Amino acid sequence: MPFYAHSENGLGVKHDLVTHLERVGELASLFAGKFGAAEFGYWAGLWHDLGKYSSAFQSYIARGIEGGPRIQMVEK
């Protein structure tokens, strides 16, 4: 079973969870490296969405991918 970080984007592309976590880890490492904490930043980024490996979250994402109900985010 594939795991996803987010529902489809406007182009219909699903965001793979492993890829998402690795990329966030890399970015967090770059940012945290500026104050000597690159390794900590990497691990924090890598683990930040680990809860998305739950079946409940993946069911939620699947509903969005299949056109089911989704929550709309409102920017402040």
Protein backbone atom coordinates (compact mmCIF):
# COMPACT_ATOMS: atom_id res chain seq x y z
CA MET A 1 0.00 0.00 0.00
CA PRO A 2 1.45 3.40 -0.94
CA PHE A 3 1.51 6.13 1.70
CA TYR A 4 0.82 9.75 0.85
CA ALA A 5 1.67 13.01 2.61
CA HIS A 6 -1.00 15.10 0.90
CA SER A 7 -3.91 14.69 -1.44
CA GLU A 8 -3.51 15.34 -5.16
CA ASN A 9 -2.31 18.73 -6.31
CA GLY A 10 -3.93 20.70 -9.11
CA LEU A 11 -2.19 18.50 -11.68
CA GLY A 12 -3.52 15.31 -10.09
CA VAL A 13 -0.12 14.30 -8.67
CA LYS A 14 -0.12 12.51 -5.31
CA HIS A 15 2.64 13.43 -2.84
CA ASP A 16 4.49 10.31 -1.68
CA LEU A 17 5.08 10.37 2.10
CA VAL A 18 8.67 9.06 2.05
CA THR A 19 9.70 11.61 -0.57
CA HIS A 20 7.96 14.38 1.38
CA LEU A 21 9.70 13.46 4.64
CA GLU A 22 13.13 13.21 3.00
CA ARG A 23 12.81 16.56 1.26
CA VAL A 24 11.58 18.33 4.38
CA GLY A 25 14.49 16.77 6.29
CA GLU A 26 16.95 18.12 3.74
CA LEU A 27 15.47 21.61 3.88
CA ALA A 28 15.31 21.62 7.67
CA SER A 29 18.96 20.55 7.74
CA LEU A 30 19.93 23.51 5.57
CA PHE A 31 18.03 25.97 7.75
CA ALA A 32 19.24 24.51 11.06
CA GLY A 33 22.79 24.31 9.75
CA LYS A 34 22.97 28.10 9.93
CA PHE A 35 23.08 27.81 13.73
CA GLY A 36 25.03 24.57 14.00
CA ALA A 37 22.14 22.11 14.23
CA ALA A 38 22.00 20.59 10.74
CA GLU A 39 21.70 17.00 11.94
CA PHE A 40 18.96 17.87 14.42
CA GLY A 41 17.11 19.78 11.69
CA TYR A 42 17.33 16.81 9.35
CA TRP A 43 15.85 14.41 11.91
CA ALA A 44 13.15 16.88 12.97
CA GLY A 45 12.13 17.32 9.33
CA LEU A 46 12.25 13.59 8.67
CA TRP A 47 9.97 12.78 11.61
CA HIS A 48 7.60 15.78 11.49
CA ASP A 49 4.76 13.96 9.66
CA LEU A 50 5.41 10.43 10.85
CA GLY A 51 1.82 10.18 12.14
CA LYS A 52 0.66 10.19 8.52
CA TYR A 53 1.64 6.52 8.37
CA SER A 54 -1.58 5.75 10.27
CA SER A 55 -4.40 3.96 8.50
CA ALA A 56 -6.84 6.65 9.66
CA PHE A 57 -4.88 9.43 7.99
CA GLN A 58 -4.32 7.43 4.83
CA SER A 59 -8.09 6.79 4.64
CA TYR A 60 -8.65 10.54 4.94
CA ILE A 61 -6.17 11.19 2.12
CA ALA A 62 -7.76 8.46 -0.02
CA ARG A 63 -11.17 10.12 0.30
CA GLY A 64 -9.63 13.36 -0.99
CA ILE A 65 -7.85 11.58 -3.82
CA GLU A 66 -11.04 9.84 -4.88
CA GLY A 67 -12.99 13.09 -4.86
CA GLY A 68 -14.57 12.60 -1.44
CA PRO A 69 -15.08 15.26 1.22
CA ARG A 70 -12.03 17.33 2.09
CA ILE A 71 -11.31 20.08 4.59
CA GLN A 72 -10.63 23.49 3.08
CA MET A 73 -7.74 25.39 4.66
CA VAL A 74 -8.30 29.10 5.20
CA GLU A 75 -5.29 31.40 5.22
CA LYS A 76 -5.17 34.07 7.88
